Amino acid sequence: KVAVMGCIVNGPGESKHADIGISL
């Protein structure tokens, strides 16, 4: 599972739930 998020609101949380994620 990969997360690509667009801001700091939900980005870090969704990235933590994924195997690898980035919060732009």
mmCIF file of all heavy atoms, coordinates in Angstrom:
data_MODEL
# 
_entry.id   MODEL 
# 
loop_
_atom_site.group_PDB 
_atom_site.id 
_atom_site.type_symbol 
_atom_site.label_atom_id 
_atom_site.label_alt_id 
_atom_site.label_comp_id 
_atom_site.label_asym_id 
_atom_site.label_entity_id 
_atom_site.label_seq_id 
_atom_site.pdbx_PDB_ins_code 
_atom_site.Cartn_x 
_atom_site.Cartn_y 
_atom_site.Cartn_z 
_atom_site.occupancy 
_atom_site.B_iso_or_equiv 
_atom_site.pdbx_formal_charge 
_atom_site.auth_seq_id 
_atom_site.auth_comp_id 
_atom_site.auth_asym_id 
_atom_site.auth_atom_id 
_atom_site.pdbx_PDB_model_num 
ATOM 1   N N   . LYS A 1 1  ? 0.843  -1.190 0.000  1.00 0.00 ? 1  LYS A N   1 
ATOM 2   C CA  . LYS A 1 1  ? 0.000  0.000  0.000  1.00 0.00 ? 1  LYS A CA  1 
ATOM 3   C C   . LYS A 1 1  ? 0.883  1.247  0.000  1.00 0.00 ? 1  LYS A C   1 
ATOM 4   O O   . LYS A 1 1  ? 1.780  1.380  0.832  1.00 0.00 ? 1  LYS A O   1 
ATOM 5   C CB  . LYS A 1 1  ? -0.942 0.006  1.203  1.00 0.00 ? 1  LYS A CB  1 
ATOM 6   C CG  . LYS A 1 1  ? -1.999 -1.085 1.160  1.00 0.00 ? 1  LYS A CG  1 
ATOM 7   C CD  . LYS A 1 1  ? -2.904 -1.042 2.364  1.00 0.00 ? 1  LYS A CD  1 
ATOM 8   C CE  . LYS A 1 1  ? -4.085 -1.994 2.222  1.00 0.00 ? 1  LYS A CE  1 
ATOM 9   N NZ  . LYS A 1 1  ? -3.804 -3.269 1.767  1.00 0.00 ? 1  LYS A NZ  1 
ATOM 10  N N   . VAL A 1 2  ? 0.610  2.155  -0.933 1.00 0.00 ? 2  VAL A N   1 
ATOM 11  C CA  . VAL A 1 2  ? 1.368  3.391  -1.089 1.00 0.00 ? 2  VAL A CA  1 
ATOM 12  C C   . VAL A 1 2  ? 0.420  4.566  -0.912 1.00 0.00 ? 2  VAL A C   1 
ATOM 13  O O   . VAL A 1 2  ? -0.694 4.558  -1.449 1.00 0.00 ? 2  VAL A O   1 
ATOM 14  C CB  . VAL A 1 2  ? 2.037  3.459  -2.481 1.00 0.00 ? 2  VAL A CB  1 
ATOM 15  C CG1 . VAL A 1 2  ? 2.854  4.734  -2.620 1.00 0.00 ? 2  VAL A CG1 1 
ATOM 16  C CG2 . VAL A 1 2  ? 2.921  2.232  -2.716 1.00 0.00 ? 2  VAL A CG2 1 
ATOM 17  N N   . ALA A 1 3  ? 0.835  5.580  -0.162 1.00 0.00 ? 3  ALA A N   1 
ATOM 18  C CA  . ALA A 1 3  ? 0.024  6.778  0.046  1.00 0.00 ? 3  ALA A CA  1 
ATOM 19  C C   . ALA A 1 3  ? 0.734  7.985  -0.560 1.00 0.00 ? 3  ALA A C   1 
ATOM 20  O O   . ALA A 1 3  ? 1.919  8.204  -0.312 1.00 0.00 ? 3  ALA A O   1 
ATOM 21  C CB  . ALA A 1 3  ? -0.240 7.009  1.537  1.00 0.00 ? 3  ALA A CB  1 
ATOM 22  N N   . VAL A 1 4  ? 0.004  8.772  -1.333 1.00 0.00 ? 4  VAL A N   1 
ATOM 23  C CA  . VAL A 1 4  ? 0.491  10.032 -1.886 1.00 0.00 ? 4  VAL A CA  1 
ATOM 24  C C   . VAL A 1 4  ? -0.514 11.105 -1.476 1.00 0.00 ? 4  VAL A C   1 
ATOM 25  O O   . VAL A 1 4  ? -1.608 11.187 -2.035 1.00 0.00 ? 4  VAL A O   1 
ATOM 26  C CB  . VAL A 1 4  ? 0.651  9.980  -3.410 1.00 0.00 ? 4  VAL A CB  1 
ATOM 27  C CG1 . VAL A 1 4  ? 1.169  11.317 -3.925 1.00 0.00 ? 4  VAL A CG1 1 
ATOM 28  C CG2 . VAL A 1 4  ? 1.592  8.853  -3.822 1.00 0.00 ? 4  VAL A CG2 1 
ATOM 29  N N   . MET A 1 5  ? -0.152 11.925 -0.504 1.00 0.00 ? 5  MET A N   1 
ATOM 30  C CA  . MET A 1 5  ? -1.081 12.886 0.078  1.00 0.00 ? 5  MET A CA  1 
ATOM 31  C C   . MET A 1 5  ? -0.655 14.315 -0.230 1.00 0.00 ? 5  MET A C   1 
ATOM 32  O O   . MET A 1 5  ? 0.520  14.596 -0.470 1.00 0.00 ? 5  MET A O   1 
ATOM 33  C CB  . MET A 1 5  ? -1.174 12.669 1.581  1.00 0.00 ? 5  MET A CB  1 
ATOM 34  C CG  . MET A 1 5  ? -1.562 11.252 1.982  1.00 0.00 ? 5  MET A CG  1 
ATOM 35  S SD  . MET A 1 5  ? -3.153 10.711 1.287  1.00 0.00 ? 5  MET A SD  1 
ATOM 36  C CE  . MET A 1 5  ? -4.262 11.829 2.149  1.00 0.00 ? 5  MET A CE  1 
ATOM 37  N N   . GLY A 1 6  ? -1.659 15.248 -0.216 1.00 0.00 ? 6  GLY A N   1 
ATOM 38  C CA  . GLY A 1 6  ? -1.418 16.583 -0.713 1.00 0.00 ? 6  GLY A CA  1 
ATOM 39  C C   . GLY A 1 6  ? -1.245 17.680 0.309  1.00 0.00 ? 6  GLY A C   1 
ATOM 40  O O   . GLY A 1 6  ? -1.017 18.828 -0.063 1.00 0.00 ? 6  GLY A O   1 
ATOM 41  N N   . CYS A 1 7  ? -1.343 17.376 1.593  1.00 0.00 ? 7  CYS A N   1 
ATOM 42  C CA  . CYS A 1 7  ? -1.086 18.396 2.599  1.00 0.00 ? 7  CYS A CA  1 
ATOM 43  C C   . CYS A 1 7  ? -0.879 17.726 3.945  1.00 0.00 ? 7  CYS A C   1 
ATOM 44  O O   . CYS A 1 7  ? -0.973 16.498 4.081  1.00 0.00 ? 7  CYS A O   1 
ATOM 45  C CB  . CYS A 1 7  ? -2.220 19.438 2.664  1.00 0.00 ? 7  CYS A CB  1 
ATOM 46  S SG  . CYS A 1 7  ? -3.719 18.872 3.524  1.00 0.00 ? 7  CYS A SG  1 
ATOM 47  N N   . ILE A 1 8  ? -0.663 18.550 4.986  1.00 0.00 ? 8  ILE A N   1 
ATOM 48  C CA  . ILE A 1 8  ? -0.283 18.035 6.293  1.00 0.00 ? 8  ILE A CA  1 
ATOM 49  C C   . ILE A 1 8  ? -1.466 17.562 7.127  1.00 0.00 ? 8  ILE A C   1 
ATOM 50  O O   . ILE A 1 8  ? -1.285 16.916 8.168  1.00 0.00 ? 8  ILE A O   1 
ATOM 51  C CB  . ILE A 1 8  ? 0.514  19.111 7.068  1.00 0.00 ? 8  ILE A CB  1 
ATOM 52  C CG1 . ILE A 1 8  ? 1.369  18.472 8.166  1.00 0.00 ? 8  ILE A CG1 1 
ATOM 53  C CG2 . ILE A 1 8  ? -0.451 20.198 7.624  1.00 0.00 ? 8  ILE A CG2 1 
ATOM 54  C CD1 . ILE A 1 8  ? 2.329  19.460 8.810  1.00 0.00 ? 8  ILE A CD1 1 
ATOM 55  N N   . VAL A 1 9  ? -2.729 17.868 6.713  1.00 0.00 ? 9  VAL A N   1 
ATOM 56  C CA  . VAL A 1 9  ? -3.883 17.553 7.546  1.00 0.00 ? 9  VAL A CA  1 
ATOM 57  C C   . VAL A 1 9  ? -4.022 16.044 7.760  1.00 0.00 ? 9  VAL A C   1 
ATOM 58  O O   . VAL A 1 9  ? -3.963 15.549 8.884  1.00 0.00 ? 9  VAL A O   1 
ATOM 59  C CB  . VAL A 1 9  ? -5.180 18.134 6.944  1.00 0.00 ? 9  VAL A CB  1 
ATOM 60  C CG1 . VAL A 1 9  ? -6.385 17.684 7.774  1.00 0.00 ? 9  VAL A CG1 1 
ATOM 61  C CG2 . VAL A 1 9  ? -5.114 19.647 6.911  1.00 0.00 ? 9  VAL A CG2 1 
ATOM 62  N N   . ASN A 1 10 ? -4.226 15.314 6.676  1.00 0.00 ? 10 ASN A N   1 
ATOM 63  C CA  . ASN A 1 10 ? -4.366 13.861 6.760  1.00 0.00 ? 10 ASN A CA  1 
ATOM 64  C C   . ASN A 1 10 ? -3.144 13.119 6.228  1.00 0.00 ? 10 ASN A C   1 
ATOM 65  O O   . ASN A 1 10 ? -3.065 11.899 6.351  1.00 0.00 ? 10 ASN A O   1 
ATOM 66  C CB  . ASN A 1 10 ? -5.602 13.386 5.986  1.00 0.00 ? 10 ASN A CB  1 
ATOM 67  C CG  . ASN A 1 10 ? -6.905 13.819 6.607  1.00 0.00 ? 10 ASN A CG  1 
ATOM 68  O OD1 . ASN A 1 10 ? -7.048 13.788 7.832  1.00 0.00 ? 10 ASN A OD1 1 
ATOM 69  N ND2 . ASN A 1 10 ? -7.852 14.233 5.782  1.00 0.00 ? 10 ASN A ND2 1 
ATOM 70  N N   . GLY A 1 11 ? -2.227 13.866 5.631  1.00 0.00 ? 11 GLY A N   1 
ATOM 71  C CA  . GLY A 1 11 ? -1.094 13.242 4.985  1.00 0.00 ? 11 GLY A CA  1 
ATOM 72  C C   . GLY A 1 11 ? -0.268 12.323 5.862  1.00 0.00 ? 11 GLY A C   1 
ATOM 73  O O   . GLY A 1 11 ? -0.074 11.147 5.551  1.00 0.00 ? 11 GLY A O   1 
ATOM 74  N N   . PRO A 1 12 ? 0.237  12.818 6.997  1.00 0.00 ? 12 PRO A N   1 
ATOM 75  C CA  . PRO A 1 12 ? 1.062  11.950 7.850  1.00 0.00 ? 12 PRO A CA  1 
ATOM 76  C C   . PRO A 1 12 ? 0.306  10.729 8.355  1.00 0.00 ? 12 PRO A C   1 
ATOM 77  O O   . PRO A 1 12 ? 0.861  9.631  8.405  1.00 0.00 ? 12 PRO A O   1 
ATOM 78  C CB  . PRO A 1 12 ? 1.465  12.878 8.995  1.00 0.00 ? 12 PRO A CB  1 
ATOM 79  C CG  . PRO A 1 12 ? 1.423  14.252 8.390  1.00 0.00 ? 12 PRO A CG  1 
ATOM 80  C CD  . PRO A 1 12 ? 0.268  14.220 7.452  1.00 0.00 ? 12 PRO A CD  1 
ATOM 81  N N   . GLY A 1 13 ? -0.968 10.918 8.745  1.00 0.00 ? 13 GLY A N   1 
ATOM 82  C CA  . GLY A 1 13 ? -1.739 9.791  9.255  1.00 0.00 ? 13 GLY A CA  1 
ATOM 83  C C   . GLY A 1 13 ? -1.952 8.712  8.209  1.00 0.00 ? 13 GLY A C   1 
ATOM 84  O O   . GLY A 1 13 ? -1.765 7.522  8.470  1.00 0.00 ? 13 GLY A O   1 
ATOM 85  N N   . GLU A 1 14 ? -2.367 9.103  6.995  1.00 0.00 ? 14 GLU A N   1 
ATOM 86  C CA  . GLU A 1 14 ? -2.560 8.141  5.914  1.00 0.00 ? 14 GLU A CA  1 
ATOM 87  C C   . GLU A 1 14 ? -1.238 7.475  5.539  1.00 0.00 ? 14 GLU A C   1 
ATOM 88  O O   . GLU A 1 14 ? -1.195 6.276  5.237  1.00 0.00 ? 14 GLU A O   1 
ATOM 89  C CB  . GLU A 1 14 ? -3.168 8.826  4.690  1.00 0.00 ? 14 GLU A CB  1 
ATOM 90  C CG  . GLU A 1 14 ? -4.616 9.237  4.847  1.00 0.00 ? 14 GLU A CG  1 
ATOM 91  C CD  . GLU A 1 14 ? -5.576 8.053  4.815  1.00 0.00 ? 14 GLU A CD  1 
ATOM 92  O OE1 . GLU A 1 14 ? -5.128 6.922  4.496  1.00 0.00 ? 14 GLU A OE1 1 
ATOM 93  O OE2 . GLU A 1 14 ? -6.761 8.254  5.129  1.00 0.00 ? 14 GLU A OE2 1 
ATOM 94  N N   . SER A 1 15 ? -0.157 8.250  5.547  1.00 0.00 ? 15 SER A N   1 
ATOM 95  C CA  . SER A 1 15 ? 1.156  7.697  5.210  1.00 0.00 ? 15 SER A CA  1 
ATOM 96  C C   . SER A 1 15 ? 1.595  6.657  6.229  1.00 0.00 ? 15 SER A C   1 
ATOM 97  O O   . SER A 1 15 ? 2.227  5.654  5.882  1.00 0.00 ? 15 SER A O   1 
ATOM 98  C CB  . SER A 1 15 ? 2.196  8.816  5.127  1.00 0.00 ? 15 SER A CB  1 
ATOM 99  O OG  . SER A 1 15 ? 1.913  9.684  4.038  1.00 0.00 ? 15 SER A OG  1 
ATOM 100 N N   . LYS A 1 16 ? 1.254  6.889  7.513  1.00 0.00 ? 16 LYS A N   1 
ATOM 101 C CA  . LYS A 1 16 ? 1.603  5.927  8.551  1.00 0.00 ? 16 LYS A CA  1 
ATOM 102 C C   . LYS A 1 16 ? 0.832  4.622  8.379  1.00 0.00 ? 16 LYS A C   1 
ATOM 103 O O   . LYS A 1 16 ? 1.339  3.544  8.694  1.00 0.00 ? 16 LYS A O   1 
ATOM 104 C CB  . LYS A 1 16 ? 1.327  6.519  9.929  1.00 0.00 ? 16 LYS A CB  1 
ATOM 105 C CG  . LYS A 1 16 ? 2.301  7.620  10.345 1.00 0.00 ? 16 LYS A CG  1 
ATOM 106 C CD  . LYS A 1 16 ? 1.931  8.181  11.709 1.00 0.00 ? 16 LYS A CD  1 
ATOM 107 C CE  . LYS A 1 16 ? 2.864  9.317  12.117 1.00 0.00 ? 16 LYS A CE  1 
ATOM 108 N NZ  . LYS A 1 16 ? 2.488  9.906  13.420 1.00 0.00 ? 16 LYS A NZ  1 
ATOM 109 N N   . HIS A 1 17 ? -0.421 4.719  7.896  1.00 0.00 ? 17 HIS A N   1 
ATOM 110 C CA  . HIS A 1 17 ? -1.229 3.517  7.697  1.00 0.00 ? 17 HIS A CA  1 
ATOM 111 C C   . HIS A 1 17 ? -0.782 2.708  6.475  1.00 0.00 ? 17 HIS A C   1 
ATOM 112 O O   . HIS A 1 17 ? -1.055 1.516  6.387  1.00 0.00 ? 17 HIS A O   1 
ATOM 113 C CB  . HIS A 1 17 ? -2.711 3.885  7.550  1.00 0.00 ? 17 HIS A CB  1 
ATOM 114 C CG  . HIS A 1 17 ? -3.357 4.336  8.833  1.00 0.00 ? 17 HIS A CG  1 
ATOM 115 N ND1 . HIS A 1 17 ? -3.404 3.557  9.951  1.00 0.00 ? 17 HIS A ND1 1 
ATOM 116 C CD2 . HIS A 1 17 ? -3.976 5.494  9.165  1.00 0.00 ? 17 HIS A CD2 1 
ATOM 117 C CE1 . HIS A 1 17 ? -4.023 4.196  10.933 1.00 0.00 ? 17 HIS A CE1 1 
ATOM 118 N NE2 . HIS A 1 17 ? -4.378 5.380  10.480 1.00 0.00 ? 17 HIS A NE2 1 
ATOM 119 N N   . ALA A 1 18 ? -0.115 3.369  5.525  1.00 0.00 ? 18 ALA A N   1 
ATOM 120 C CA  . ALA A 1 18 ? 0.378  2.688  4.327  1.00 0.00 ? 18 ALA A CA  1 
ATOM 121 C C   . ALA A 1 18 ? 1.721  2.035  4.613  1.00 0.00 ? 18 ALA A C   1 
ATOM 122 O O   . ALA A 1 18 ? 2.366  2.305  5.625  1.00 0.00 ? 18 ALA A O   1 
ATOM 123 C CB  . ALA A 1 18 ? 0.508  3.689  3.177  1.00 0.00 ? 18 ALA A CB  1 
ATOM 124 N N   . ASP A 1 19 ? 2.153  1.160  3.705  1.00 0.00 ? 19 ASP A N   1 
ATOM 125 C CA  . ASP A 1 19 ? 3.493  0.581  3.828  1.00 0.00 ? 19 ASP A CA  1 
ATOM 126 C C   . ASP A 1 19 ? 4.553  1.650  3.592  1.00 0.00 ? 19 ASP A C   1 
ATOM 127 O O   . ASP A 1 19 ? 5.574  1.686  4.270  1.00 0.00 ? 19 ASP A O   1 
ATOM 128 C CB  . ASP A 1 19 ? 3.657  -0.574 2.837  1.00 0.00 ? 19 ASP A CB  1 
ATOM 129 C CG  . ASP A 1 19 ? 2.739  -1.732 3.158  1.00 0.00 ? 19 ASP A CG  1 
ATOM 130 O OD1 . ASP A 1 19 ? 2.747  -2.195 4.314  1.00 0.00 ? 19 ASP A OD1 1 
ATOM 131 O OD2 . ASP A 1 19 ? 1.999  -2.168 2.254  1.00 0.00 ? 19 ASP A OD2 1 
ATOM 132 N N   . ILE A 1 20 ? 4.314  2.506  2.623  1.00 0.00 ? 20 ILE A N   1 
ATOM 133 C CA  . ILE A 1 20 ? 5.203  3.617  2.330  1.00 0.00 ? 20 ILE A CA  1 
ATOM 134 C C   . ILE A 1 20 ? 4.353  4.768  1.838  1.00 0.00 ? 20 ILE A C   1 
ATOM 135 O O   . ILE A 1 20 ? 3.425  4.590  1.050  1.00 0.00 ? 20 ILE A O   1 
ATOM 136 C CB  . ILE A 1 20 ? 6.281  3.217  1.294  1.00 0.00 ? 20 ILE A CB  1 
ATOM 137 C CG1 . ILE A 1 20 ? 7.229  4.382  1.006  1.00 0.00 ? 20 ILE A CG1 1 
ATOM 138 C CG2 . ILE A 1 20 ? 5.648  2.699  -0.001 1.00 0.00 ? 20 ILE A CG2 1 
ATOM 139 C CD1 . ILE A 1 20 ? 8.464  3.950  0.195  1.00 0.00 ? 20 ILE A CD1 1 
ATOM 140 N N   . GLY A 1 21 ? 4.629  5.975  2.320  1.00 0.00 ? 21 GLY A N   1 
ATOM 141 C CA  . GLY A 1 21 ? 3.807  7.107  1.948  1.00 0.00 ? 21 GLY A CA  1 
ATOM 142 C C   . GLY A 1 21 ? 4.572  8.413  1.996  1.00 0.00 ? 21 GLY A C   1 
ATOM 143 O O   . GLY A 1 21 ? 5.610  8.530  2.665  1.00 0.00 ? 21 GLY A O   1 
ATOM 144 N N   . ILE A 1 22 ? 4.055  9.384  1.295  1.00 0.00 ? 22 ILE A N   1 
ATOM 145 C CA  . ILE A 1 22 ? 4.659  10.705 1.241  1.00 0.00 ? 22 ILE A CA  1 
ATOM 146 C C   . ILE A 1 22 ? 3.567  11.746 1.402  1.00 0.00 ? 22 ILE A C   1 
ATOM 147 O O   . ILE A 1 22 ? 2.457  11.594 0.879  1.00 0.00 ? 22 ILE A O   1 
ATOM 148 C CB  . ILE A 1 22 ? 5.436  10.914 -0.086 1.00 0.00 ? 22 ILE A CB  1 
ATOM 149 C CG1 . ILE A 1 22 ? 6.210  12.232 -0.060 1.00 0.00 ? 22 ILE A CG1 1 
ATOM 150 C CG2 . ILE A 1 22 ? 4.501  10.835 -1.287 1.00 0.00 ? 22 ILE A CG2 1 
ATOM 151 C CD1 . ILE A 1 22 ? 7.179  12.374 -1.233 1.00 0.00 ? 22 ILE A CD1 1 
ATOM 152 N N   . SER A 1 23 ? 3.862  12.790 2.156  1.00 0.00 ? 23 SER A N   1 
ATOM 153 C CA  . SER A 1 23 ? 2.938  13.901 2.349  1.00 0.00 ? 23 SER A CA  1 
ATOM 154 C C   . SER A 1 23 ? 3.560  15.135 1.720  1.00 0.00 ? 23 SER A C   1 
ATOM 155 O O   . SER A 1 23 ? 4.550  15.677 2.232  1.00 0.00 ? 23 SER A O   1 
ATOM 156 C CB  . SER A 1 23 ? 2.663  14.121 3.840  1.00 0.00 ? 23 SER A CB  1 
ATOM 157 O OG  . SER A 1 23 ? 1.760  15.168 4.034  1.00 0.00 ? 23 SER A OG  1 
ATOM 158 N N   . LEU A 1 24 ? 3.002  15.586 0.614  1.00 0.00 ? 24 LEU A N   1 
ATOM 159 C CA  . LEU A 1 24 ? 3.538  16.725 -0.109 1.00 0.00 ? 24 LEU A CA  1 
ATOM 160 C C   . LEU A 1 24 ? 3.091  18.032 0.534  1.00 0.00 ? 24 LEU A C   1 
ATOM 161 O O   . LEU A 1 24 ? 2.049  18.082 1.200  1.00 0.00 ? 24 LEU A O   1 
ATOM 162 C CB  . LEU A 1 24 ? 3.086  16.676 -1.568 1.00 0.00 ? 24 LEU A CB  1 
ATOM 163 C CG  . LEU A 1 24 ? 3.540  15.444 -2.354 1.00 0.00 ? 24 LEU A CG  1 
ATOM 164 C CD1 . LEU A 1 24 ? 2.921  15.449 -3.742 1.00 0.00 ? 24 LEU A CD1 1 
ATOM 165 C CD2 . LEU A 1 24 ? 5.041  15.382 -2.464 1.00 0.00 ? 24 LEU A CD2 1 
# 
